[in-house]
PDB file of N, CA and C in Angstrom:
ATOM      1  N   MET A   1       0.849  -1.376   0.038  1.00  0.00           N
ATOM      2  CA  MET A   1      -0.028   0.184   0.051  1.00  0.00           C
ATOM      3  C   MET A   1       0.849   1.123  -0.003  1.00  0.00           C
ATOM      4  N   ASN A   2       0.628   2.259  -0.949  1.00  0.00           N
ATOM      5  CA  ASN A   2       1.396   3.370  -0.904  1.00  0.00           C
ATOM      6  C   ASN A   2       0.809   4.356   0.028  1.00  0.00           C
ATOM      7  N   GLU A   3       1.566   5.530   0.202  1.00  0.00           N
ATOM      8  CA  GLU A   3       1.313   6.479   1.093  1.00  0.00           C
ATOM      9  C   GLU A   3      -0.078   7.180   0.854  1.00  0.00           C
ATOM     10  N   LEU A   4      -0.405   7.357  -0.341  1.00  0.00           N
ATOM     11  CA  LEU A   4      -1.607   7.937  -0.550  1.00  0.00           C
ATOM     12  C   LEU A   4      -2.825   6.908  -0.502  1.00  0.00           C
ATOM     13  N   GLU A   5      -2.831   5.792  -0.589  1.00  0.00           N
ATOM     14  CA  GLU A   5      -3.669   4.852  -0.112  1.00  0.00           C
ATOM     15  C   GLU A   5      -4.000   4.832   1.169  1.00  0.00           C
ATOM     16  N   LYS A   6      -3.169   5.241   2.132  1.00  0.00           N
ATOM     17  CA  LYS A   6      -3.290   5.244   3.640  1.00  0.00           C
ATOM     18  C   LYS A   6      -4.073   6.346   4.142  1.00  0.00           C
ATOM     19  N   VAL A   7      -3.980   7.443   3.239  1.00  0.00           N
ATOM     20  CA  VAL A   7      -4.838   8.657   3.654  1.00  0.00           C
ATOM     21  C   VAL A   7      -6.454   8.413   3.720  1.00  0.00           C
ATOM     22  N   ALA A   8      -7.072   8.564   4.911  1.00  0.00           N
ATOM     23  CA  ALA A   8      -8.555   8.445   4.847  1.00  0.00           C
ATOM     24  C   ALA A   8      -9.238   9.488   4.113  1.00  0.00           C
ATOM     25  N   PRO A   9     -10.230   9.165   3.435  1.00  0.00           N
ATOM     26  CA  PRO A   9     -10.938  10.206   2.507  1.00  0.00           C
ATOM     27  C   PRO A   9     -11.639  11.154   3.484  1.00  0.00           C
ATOM     28  N   ASP A  10     -11.626  12.507   3.083  1.00  0.00           N
ATOM     29  CA  ASP A  10     -12.330  13.566   3.773  1.00  0.00           C
ATOM     30  C   ASP A  10     -13.582  13.710   3.073  1.00  0.00           C
ATOM     31  N   PRO A  11     -14.885  13.392   3.866  1.00  0.00           N
ATOM     32  CA  PRO A  11     -16.008  13.472   3.235  1.00  0.00           C
ATOM     33  C   PRO A  11     -16.367  15.107   3.058  1.00  0.00           C
ATOM     34  N   THR A  12     -15.946  15.852   3.767  1.00  0.00           N
ATOM     35  CA  THR A  12     -15.979  17.248   3.445  1.00  0.00           C
ATOM     36  C   THR A  12     -15.480  17.648   2.093  1.00  0.00           C
ATOM     37  N   ILE A  13     -14.268  17.287   1.952  1.00  0.00           N
ATOM     38  CA  ILE A  13     -13.642  17.549   0.473  1.00  0.00           C
ATOM     39  C   ILE A  13     -14.530  16.916  -0.468  1.00  0.00           C
ATOM     40  N   HIS A  14     -14.865  15.649  -0.300  1.00  0.00           N
ATOM     41  CA  HIS A  14     -15.677  14.988  -1.380  1.00  0.00           C
ATOM     42  C   HIS A  14     -16.801  15.815  -1.594  1.00  0.00           C
ATOM     43  N   LYS A  15     -17.649  16.240  -0.537  1.00  0.00           N
ATOM     44  CA  LYS A  15     -18.856  17.020  -0.690  1.00  0.00           C
ATOM     45  C   LYS A  15     -18.599  18.392  -1.422  1.00  0.00           C
ATOM     46  N   PHE A  16     -17.616  18.998  -1.144  1.00  0.00           N
ATOM     47  CA  PHE A  16     -17.078  20.328  -1.603  1.00  0.00           C
ATOM     48  C   PHE A  16     -16.993  20.185  -3.138  1.00  0.00           C
ATOM     49  N   ILE A  17     -16.221  19.072  -3.617  1.00  0.00           N
ATOM     50  CA  ILE A  17     -15.979  18.935  -4.955  1.00  0.00           C
ATOM     51  C   ILE A  17     -17.394  18.448  -5.634  1.00  0.00           C
ATOM     52  N   GLY A  18     -18.053  17.560  -5.307  1.00  0.00           N
ATOM     53  CA  GLY A  18     -19.117  17.298  -5.869  1.00  0.00           C
ATOM     54  C   GLY A  18     -19.979  18.645  -5.931  1.00  0.00           C
ATOM     55  N   THR A  19     -20.230  19.478  -5.202  1.00  0.00           N
ATOM     56  CA  THR A  19     -21.121  20.667  -5.129  1.00  0.00           C
ATOM     57  C   THR A  19     -20.472  21.413  -6.141  1.00  0.00           C
ATOM     58  N   SER A  20     -19.057  21.613  -6.205  1.00  0.00           N
ATOM     59  CA  SER A  20     -18.291  22.529  -7.165  1.00  0.00           C
ATOM     60  C   SER A  20     -18.669  22.169  -8.729  1.00  0.00           C
ATOM     61  N   PHE A  21     -18.661  20.733  -8.891  1.00  0.00           N
ATOM     62  CA  PHE A  21     -18.912  20.452 -10.210  1.00  0.00           C
ATOM     63  C   PHE A  21     -20.340  20.433 -10.517  1.00  0.00           C
ATOM     64  N   ASP A  22     -21.299  20.335  -9.534  1.00  0.00           N
ATOM     65  CA  ASP A  22     -22.787  20.479  -9.770  1.00  0.00           C
ATOM     66  C   ASP A  22     -22.959  22.010 -10.083  1.00  0.00           C
ATOM     67  N   ILE A  23     -22.357  22.882  -9.486  1.00  0.00           N
ATOM     68  CA  ILE A  23     -22.506  24.504  -9.782  1.00  0.00           C
ATOM     69  C   ILE A  23     -22.084  24.704 -11.040  1.00  0.00           C
ATOM     70  N   SER A  24     -20.730  24.126 -11.450  1.00  0.00           N
ATOM     71  CA  SER A  24     -20.411  24.250 -12.720  1.00  0.00           C
ATOM     72  C   SER A  24     -21.315  23.846 -14.001  1.00  0.00           C
ATOM     73  N   ASP A  25     -21.638  22.560 -13.658  1.00  0.00           N
ATOM     74  CA  ASP A  25     -22.456  21.889 -14.596  1.00  0.00           C
ATOM     75  C   ASP A  25     -23.655  22.642 -14.966  1.00  0.00           C
ATOM     76  N   ARG A  26     -24.331  23.086 -13.624  1.00  0.00           N
ATOM     77  CA  ARG A  26     -25.638  24.094 -14.025  1.00  0.00           C
ATOM     78  C   ARG A  26     -25.309  25.244 -14.694  1.00  0.00           C
ATOM     79  N   ILE A  27     -24.252  25.842 -14.484  1.00  0.00           N
ATOM     80  CA  ILE A  27     -23.682  27.061 -15.195  1.00  0.00           C
ATOM     81  C   ILE A  27     -23.682  26.773 -16.765  1.00  0.00           C
ATOM     82  N   HIS A  28     -22.985  25.819 -17.100  1.00  0.00           N
ATOM     83  CA  HIS A  28     -22.711  25.358 -18.560  1.00  0.00           C
ATOM     84  C   HIS A  28     -24.225  25.215 -18.970  1.00  0.00           C
ATOM     85  N   GLU A  29     -24.985  24.659 -18.488  1.00  0.00           N
ATOM     86  CA  GLU A  29     -26.525  24.005 -18.976  1.00  0.00           C
ATOM     87  C   GLU A  29     -27.187  25.279 -19.292  1.00  0.00           C
ATOM     88  N   VAL A  30     -27.156  26.379 -18.397  1.00  0.00           N
ATOM     89  CA  VAL A  30     -27.808  27.486 -18.358  1.00  0.00           C
ATOM     90  C   VAL A  30     -27.213  28.284 -19.737  1.00  0.00           C
ATOM     91  N   LEU A  31     -25.926  28.470 -19.787  1.00  0.00           N
ATOM     92  CA  LEU A  31     -25.332  29.188 -20.832  1.00  0.00           C
ATOM     93  C   LEU A  31     -25.649  28.378 -22.231  1.00  0.00           C
ATOM     94  N   GLU A  32     -25.661  27.072 -22.320  1.00  0.00           N
ATOM     95  CA  GLU A  32     -25.973  26.424 -23.484  1.00  0.00           C
ATOM     96  C   GLU A  32     -27.298  26.591 -23.953  1.00  0.00           C
ATOM     97  N   ALA A  33     -28.267  26.615 -22.935  1.00  0.00           N
ATOM     98  CA  ALA A  33     -29.745  26.778 -23.281  1.00  0.00           C
ATOM     99  C   ALA A  33     -30.031  28.268 -23.654  1.00  0.00           C
ATOM    100  N   LYS A  34     -29.243  29.091 -23.231  1.00  0.00           N
ATOM    101  CA  LYS A  34     -29.387  30.542 -23.535  1.00  0.00           C
ATOM    102  C   LYS A  34     -28.753  31.088 -24.759  1.00  0.00           C
ATOM    103  N   GLY A  35     -27.738  30.008 -25.262  1.00  0.00           N
ATOM    104  CA  GLY A  35     -26.989  30.553 -26.397  1.00  0.00           C
ATOM    105  C   GLY A  35     -25.888  31.703 -25.929  1.00  0.00           C
ATOM    106  N   ILE A  36     -25.710  31.673 -24.577  1.00  0.00           N
ATOM    107  CA  ILE A  36     -24.346  32.407 -24.365  1.00  0.00           C
ATOM    108  C   ILE A  36     -23.004  31.662 -24.059  1.00  0.00           C
ATOM    109  N   SER A  37     -21.925  32.446 -24.621  1.00  0.00           N
ATOM    110  CA  SER A  37     -20.615  31.854 -24.405  1.00  0.00           C
ATOM    111  C   SER A  37     -20.038  32.372 -23.166  1.00  0.00           C
ATOM    112  N   GLN A  38     -18.982  31.730 -22.972  1.00  0.00           N
ATOM    113  CA  GLN A  38     -18.106  32.102 -21.845  1.00  0.00           C
ATOM    114  C   GLN A  38     -17.645  33.698 -21.896  1.00  0.00           C
ATOM    115  N   LYS A  39     -17.270  34.008 -23.130  1.00  0.00           N
ATOM    116  CA  LYS A  39     -16.955  35.489 -23.342  1.00  0.00           C
ATOM    117  C   LYS A  39     -18.172  36.112 -23.030  1.00  0.00           C
ATOM    118  N   ASP A  40     -19.280  35.970 -23.624  1.00  0.00           N
ATOM    119  CA  ASP A  40     -20.482  36.842 -23.382  1.00  0.00           C
ATOM    120  C   ASP A  40     -20.662  36.925 -21.794  1.00  0.00           C
ATOM    121  N   LEU A  41     -20.548  35.807 -21.159  1.00  0.00           N
ATOM    122  CA  LEU A  41     -20.825  35.890 -19.787  1.00  0.00           C
ATOM    123  C   LEU A  41     -20.033  36.824 -18.873  1.00  0.00           C
ATOM    124  N   ALA A  42     -18.463  36.536 -19.566  1.00  0.00           N
ATOM    125  CA  ALA A  42     -17.489  37.488 -18.819  1.00  0.00           C
ATOM    126  C   ALA A  42     -17.972  38.939 -18.811  1.00  0.00           C
ATOM    127  N   GLU A  43     -18.262  39.372 -20.117  1.00  0.00           N
ATOM    128  CA  GLU A  43     -18.817  40.726 -20.342  1.00  0.00           C
ATOM    129  C   GLU A  43     -19.822  41.070 -19.598  1.00  0.00           C
ATOM    130  N   MET A  44     -20.853  40.159 -19.496  1.00  0.00           N
ATOM    131  CA  MET A  44     -22.081  40.471 -18.899  1.00  0.00           C
ATOM    132  C   MET A  44     -21.706  40.706 -17.313  1.00  0.00           C
ATOM    133  N   LEU A  45     -20.753  40.013 -16.820  1.00  0.00           N
ATOM    134  CA  LEU A  45     -20.288  40.102 -15.345  1.00  0.00           C
ATOM    135  C   LEU A  45     -19.323  41.205 -15.016  1.00  0.00           C
ATOM    136  N   GLY A  46     -18.747  41.809 -16.082  1.00  0.00           N
ATOM    137  CA  GLY A  46     -17.430  42.666 -16.184  1.00  0.00           C
ATOM    138  C   GLY A  46     -16.331  41.941 -15.502  1.00  0.00           C
ATOM    139  N   LYS A  47     -16.127  40.721 -15.686  1.00  0.00           N
ATOM    140  CA  LYS A  47     -15.006  39.815 -15.520  1.00  0.00           C
ATOM    141  C   LYS A  47     -14.060  39.462 -16.713  1.00  0.00           C
ATOM    142  N   LYS A  48     -13.026  39.036 -16.568  1.00  0.00           N
ATOM    143  CA  LYS A  48     -12.228  38.586 -17.429  1.00  0.00           C
ATOM    144  C   LYS A  48     -12.672  37.307 -18.002  1.00  0.00           C
ATOM    145  N   GLU A  49     -12.557  36.911 -19.311  1.00  0.00           N
ATOM    146  CA  GLU A  49     -12.854  35.539 -19.654  1.00  0.00           C
ATOM    147  C   GLU A  49     -12.146  34.391 -19.006  1.00  0.00           C
ATOM    148  N   SER A  50     -10.977  34.573 -18.542  1.00  0.00           N
ATOM    149  CA  SER A  50     -10.028  33.630 -18.082  1.00  0.00           C
ATOM    150  C   SER A  50     -10.558  33.249 -16.510  1.00  0.00           C
ATOM    151  N   GLN A  51     -11.200  34.320 -15.926  1.00  0.00           N
ATOM    152  CA  GLN A  51     -11.784  34.305 -14.710  1.00  0.00           C
ATOM    153  C   GLN A  51     -13.007  33.222 -14.667  1.00  0.00           C
ATOM    154  N   VAL A  52     -13.814  33.588 -15.764  1.00  0.00           N
ATOM    155  CA  VAL A  52     -15.076  32.672 -16.008  1.00  0.00           C
ATOM    156  C   VAL A  52     -14.775  31.369 -16.268  1.00  0.00           C
ATOM    157  N   SER A  53     -13.843  31.073 -17.234  1.00  0.00           N
ATOM    158  CA  SER A  53     -13.180  29.782 -17.540  1.00  0.00           C
ATOM    159  C   SER A  53     -12.851  28.933 -16.251  1.00  0.00           C
ATOM    160  N   LYS A  54     -12.076  29.764 -15.327  1.00  0.00           N
ATOM    161  CA  LYS A  54     -11.667  29.129 -14.117  1.00  0.00           C
ATOM    162  C   LYS A  54     -13.003  28.770 -13.227  1.00  0.00           C
ATOM    163  N   TRP A  55     -13.993  29.590 -13.357  1.00  0.00           N
ATOM    164  CA  TRP A  55     -15.256  29.138 -12.535  1.00  0.00           C
ATOM    165  C   TRP A  55     -15.921  27.868 -13.106  1.00  0.00           C
ATOM    166  N   LEU A  56     -15.904  28.060 -14.305  1.00  0.00           N
ATOM    167  CA  LEU A  56     -16.514  26.732 -15.058  1.00  0.00           C
ATOM    168  C   LEU A  56     -15.847  25.518 -15.157  1.00  0.00           C
ATOM    169  N   SER A  57     -14.508  25.756 -14.472  1.00  0.00           N
ATOM    170  CA  SER A  57     -13.663  24.261 -14.494  1.00  0.00           C
ATOM    171  C   SER A  57     -14.083  23.363 -13.559  1.00  0.00           C
ATOM    172  N   GLY A  58     -15.143  23.816 -12.692  1.00  0.00           N
ATOM    173  CA  GLY A  58     -15.532  22.902 -11.688  1.00  0.00           C
ATOM    174  C   GLY A  58     -14.766  22.853 -10.296  1.00  0.00           C
ATOM    175  N   THR A  59     -13.845  23.397 -10.251  1.00  0.00           N
ATOM    176  CA  THR A  59     -12.904  23.398  -8.993  1.00  0.00           C
ATOM    177  C   THR A  59     -12.945  24.915  -8.217  1.00  0.00           C
ATOM    178  N   HIS A  60     -13.811  25.806  -8.660  1.00  0.00           N
ATOM    179  CA  HIS A  60     -13.746  27.037  -8.078  1.00  0.00           C
ATOM    180  C   HIS A  60     -14.714  27.132  -6.790  1.00  0.00           C
ATOM    181  N   ASN A  61     -14.198  27.991  -5.746  1.00  0.00           N
ATOM    182  CA  ASN A  61     -15.014  28.100  -4.461  1.00  0.00           C
ATOM    183  C   ASN A  61     -15.894  29.214  -4.722  1.00  0.00           C
ATOM    184  N   PHE A  62     -17.068  29.160  -5.109  1.00  0.00           N
ATOM    185  CA  PHE A  62     -17.929  30.190  -5.529  1.00  0.00           C
ATOM    186  C   PHE A  62     -18.383  30.948  -4.048  1.00  0.00           C
ATOM    187  N   THR A  63     -18.404  32.211  -4.081  1.00  0.00           N
ATOM    188  CA  THR A  63     -18.986  33.017  -2.963  1.00  0.00           C
ATOM    189  C   THR A  63     -20.373  33.202  -3.280  1.00  0.00           C
ATOM    190  N   ILE A  64     -21.027  33.143  -2.109  1.00  0.00           N
ATOM    191  CA  ILE A  64     -22.549  33.501  -2.191  1.00  0.00           C
ATOM    192  C   ILE A  64     -22.864  34.722  -3.066  1.00  0.00           C
ATOM    193  N   LYS A  65     -22.098  35.788  -2.819  1.00  0.00           N
ATOM    194  CA  LYS A  65     -22.297  36.857  -3.639  1.00  0.00           C
ATOM    195  C   LYS A  65     -22.012  36.573  -5.437  1.00  0.00           C
ATOM    196  N   THR A  66     -20.982  35.765  -5.675  1.00  0.00           N
ATOM    197  CA  THR A  66     -20.889  35.468  -6.966  1.00  0.00           C
ATOM    198  C   THR A  66     -22.022  34.491  -7.471  1.00  0.00           C
ATOM    199  N   LEU A  67     -22.472  33.784  -6.777  1.00  0.00           N
ATOM    200  CA  LEU A  67     -23.659  33.080  -7.156  1.00  0.00           C
ATOM    201  C   LEU A  67     -25.112  33.821  -7.441  1.00  0.00           C
ATOM    202  N   ALA A  68     -25.013  34.805  -6.435  1.00  0.00           N
ATOM    203  CA  ALA A  68     -26.251  35.766  -6.501  1.00  0.00           C
ATOM    204  C   ALA A  68     -26.043  36.583  -7.809  1.00  0.00           C
ATOM    205  N   LEU A  69     -24.849  36.959  -8.091  1.00  0.00           N
ATOM    206  CA  LEU A  69     -24.810  37.761  -9.370  1.00  0.00           C
ATOM    207  C   LEU A  69     -24.986  36.885 -10.551  1.00  0.00           C
ATOM    208  N   LEU A  70     -24.508  35.740 -10.659  1.00  0.00           N
ATOM    209  CA  LEU A  70     -24.762  34.917 -11.773  1.00  0.00           C
ATOM    210  C   LEU A  70     -26.293  34.701 -11.952  1.00  0.00           C
ATOM    211  N   GLU A  71     -27.003  34.521 -10.901  1.00  0.00           N
ATOM    212  CA  GLU A  71     -28.564  34.096 -10.835  1.00  0.00           C
ATOM    213  C   GLU A  71     -29.094  35.501 -11.638  1.00  0.00           C
ATOM    214  N   VAL A  72     -28.741  36.655 -10.980  1.00  0.00           N
ATOM    215  CA  VAL A  72     -29.400  37.880 -11.392  1.00  0.00           C
ATOM    216  C   VAL A  72     -29.112  38.012 -12.847  1.00  0.00           C
ATOM    217  N   LYS A  73     -27.774  37.866 -13.342  1.00  0.00           N
ATOM    218  CA  LYS A  73     -27.388  38.129 -14.816  1.00  0.00           C
ATOM    219  C   LYS A  73     -28.111  37.062 -15.566  1.00  0.00           C
ATOM    220  N   LEU A  74     -28.112  35.979 -15.212  1.00  0.00           N
ATOM    221  CA  LEU A  74     -28.748  35.000 -16.012  1.00  0.00           C
ATOM    222  C   LEU A  74     -30.111  34.605 -16.080  1.00  0.00           C
ATOM    223  N   GLY A  75     -30.626  35.141 -14.805  1.00  0.00           N
ATOM    224  CA  GLY A  75     -32.051  35.199 -14.789  1.00  0.00           C
ATOM    225  C   GLY A  75     -32.831  33.874 -14.263  1.00  0.00           C
ATOM    226  N   VAL A  76     -31.925  32.909 -13.980  1.00  0.00           N
ATOM    227  CA  VAL A  76     -32.281  31.730 -13.468  1.00  0.00           C
ATOM    228  C   VAL A  76     -31.539  31.236 -12.192  1.00  0.00           C
ATOM    229  N   PRO A  77     -32.144  30.284 -11.453  1.00  0.00           N
ATOM    230  CA  PRO A  77     -31.533  29.887 -10.235  1.00  0.00           C
ATOM    231  C   PRO A  77     -30.359  28.889 -10.554  1.00  0.00           C
ATOM    232  N   ILE A  78     -29.063  29.247  -9.841  1.00  0.00           N
ATOM    233  CA  ILE A  78     -28.089  28.218 -10.109  1.00  0.00           C
ATOM    234  C   ILE A  78     -27.836  27.419  -8.967  1.00  0.00           C
ATOM    235  N   PHE A  79     -28.142  27.799  -7.894  1.00  0.00           N
ATOM    236  CA  PHE A  79     -27.749  27.177  -6.538  1.00  0.00           C
ATOM    237  C   PHE A  79     -29.065  27.344  -5.615  1.00  0.00           C
ATOM    238  N   SER A  80     -29.591  26.133  -4.958  1.00  0.00           N
ATOM    239  CA  SER A  80     -30.557  26.634  -4.081  1.00  0.00           C
ATOM    240  C   SER A  80     -30.316  25.829  -2.732  1.00  0.00           C
ATOM    241  N   VAL A  81     -30.956  26.355  -1.473  1.00  0.00           N
ATOM    242  CA  VAL A  81     -30.653  25.919  -0.393  1.00  0.00           C
ATOM    243  C   VAL A  81     -32.034  25.078   0.025  1.00  0.00           C
ATOM    244  N   ALA A  82     -31.854  23.955   0.784  1.00  0.00           N
ATOM    245  CA  ALA A  82     -33.186  23.363   1.023  1.00  0.00           C
ATOM    246  C   ALA A  82     -33.797  24.073   2.148  1.00  0.00           C
ATOM    247  N   ASN A  83     -35.021  24.135   1.843  1.00  0.00           N
ATOM    248  CA  ASN A  83     -35.927  24.897   2.940  1.00  0.00           C
ATOM    249  C   ASN A  83     -37.121  23.899   3.370  1.00  0.00           C
ATOM    250  N   GLY A  84     -37.589  24.131   4.486  1.00  0.00           N
ATOM    251  CA  GLY A  84     -38.642  23.415   5.064  1.00  0.00           C
ATOM    252  C   GLY A  84     -38.315  22.952   6.573  1.00  0.00           C
ATOM    253  N   GLU A  85     -39.437  22.245   7.060  1.00  0.00           N
ATOM    254  CA  GLU A  85     -39.232  21.963   8.337  1.00  0.00           C
ATOM    255  C   GLU A  85     -38.157  20.875   8.723  1.00  0.00           C
ATOM    256  N   ILE A  86     -37.428  21.279   9.874  1.00  0.00           N
ATOM    257  CA  ILE A  86     -36.521  20.111  10.105  1.00  0.00           C
ATOM    258  C   ILE A  86     -37.055  19.324  11.478  1.00  0.00           C
ATOM    259  N   GLY A  87     -37.202  18.205  11.244  1.00  0.00           N
ATOM    260  CA  GLY A  87     -37.631  17.280  12.333  1.00  0.00           C
ATOM    261  C   GLY A  87     -37.773  15.912  11.874  1.00  0.00           C
ATOM    262  N   ALA A  88     -38.107  14.939  12.732  1.00  0.00           N
ATOM    263  CA  ALA A  88     -38.224  13.593  12.385  1.00  0.00           C
ATOM    264  C   ALA A  88     -38.742  13.245  11.028  1.00  0.00           C
ATOM    265  N   GLY A  89     -38.231  12.468  10.237  1.00  0.00           N
ATOM    266  CA  GLY A  89     -38.734  12.202   8.790  1.00  0.00           C
ATOM    267  C   GLY A  89     -38.827  13.322   7.930  1.00  0.00           C
ATOM    268  N   LYS A  90     -38.170  14.482   8.120  1.00  0.00           N
ATOM    269  CA  LYS A  90     -38.303  15.582   7.162  1.00  0.00           C
ATOM    270  C   LYS A  90     -37.111  15.659   6.455  1.00  0.00           C
ATOM    271  N   ILE A  91     -35.882  15.320   7.055  1.00  0.00           N
ATOM    272  CA  ILE A  91     -34.494  15.706   6.246  1.00  0.00           C
ATOM    273  C   ILE A  91     -33.944  14.413   6.299  1.00  0.00           C
ATOM    274  N   SER A  92     -32.747  14.589   5.324  1.00  0.00           N
ATOM    275  CA  SER A  92     -31.829  13.422   5.401  1.00  0.00           C
ATOM    276  C   SER A  92     -30.438  14.043   5.646  1.00  0.00           C
ATOM    277  N   GLU A  93     -29.564  13.181   6.275  1.00  0.00           N
ATOM    278  CA  GLU A  93     -28.161  13.482   6.605  1.00  0.00           C
ATOM    279  C   GLU A  93     -27.495  13.571   5.445  1.00  0.00           C
ATOM    280  N   VAL A  94     -26.562  14.482   5.328  1.00  0.00           N
ATOM    281  CA  VAL A  94     -25.490  14.686   4.230  1.00  0.00           C
ATOM    282  C   VAL A  94     -24.639  13.329   4.160  1.00  0.00           C
ATOM    283  N   GLY A  95     -24.537  12.740   3.031  1.00  0.00           N
ATOM    284  CA  GLY A  95     -23.775  11.379   2.685  1.00  0.00           C
ATOM    285  C   GLY A  95     -24.355  10.235   3.244  1.00  0.00           C
ATOM    286  N   ALA A  96     -25.775  10.357   3.650  1.00  0.00           N
ATOM    287  CA  ALA A  96     -26.446   9.311   4.110  1.00  0.00           C
ATOM    288  C   ALA A  96     -26.808   8.406   2.829  1.00  0.00           C
ATOM    289  N   GLU A  97     -27.011   7.103   3.171  1.00  0.00           N
ATOM    290  CA  GLU A  97     -27.327   6.121   2.071  1.00  0.00           C
ATOM    291  C   GLU A  97     -28.917   6.297   1.831  1.00  0.00           C
ATOM    292  N   ALA A  98     -29.561   6.340   2.809  1.00  0.00           N
ATOM    293  CA  ALA A  98     -30.991   6.502   2.445  1.00  0.00           C
ATOM    294  C   ALA A  98     -31.683   7.856   2.980  1.00  0.00           C
ATOM    295  N   VAL A  99     -32.494   8.441   2.221  1.00  0.00           N
ATOM    296  CA  VAL A  99     -33.122   9.527   2.518  1.00  0.00           C
ATOM    297  C   VAL A  99     -34.351   9.463   3.367  1.00  0.00           C
ATOM    298  N   VAL A 100     -34.597  10.071   4.526  1.00  0.00           N
ATOM    299  CA  VAL A 100     -35.400   9.925   5.507  1.00  0.00           C
ATOM    300  C   VAL A 100     -36.858  10.551   5.110  1.00  0.00           C
TER     301      VAL A 100
END
């Protein structure tokens, strides 16, 4: 067993990476559906195209402010937060196998 195989996986990092890719995929879907290029999005946001490209790589740590800006400029939701009652039988745990 090599040293890398001895390192225990970190569920927080796994969740972060998954969420980052989900956000990037969502932005790609919206851009494609609306016929907007990365260059167009950069211009809409007043950003450099290289920065938008980095965002869309799937590894960017988006701020809430950036997500809000994207949603306003694109006119569609990008990321949503679960709302609702928290109680027995109402929520599932992150990383749980079964949804309660």
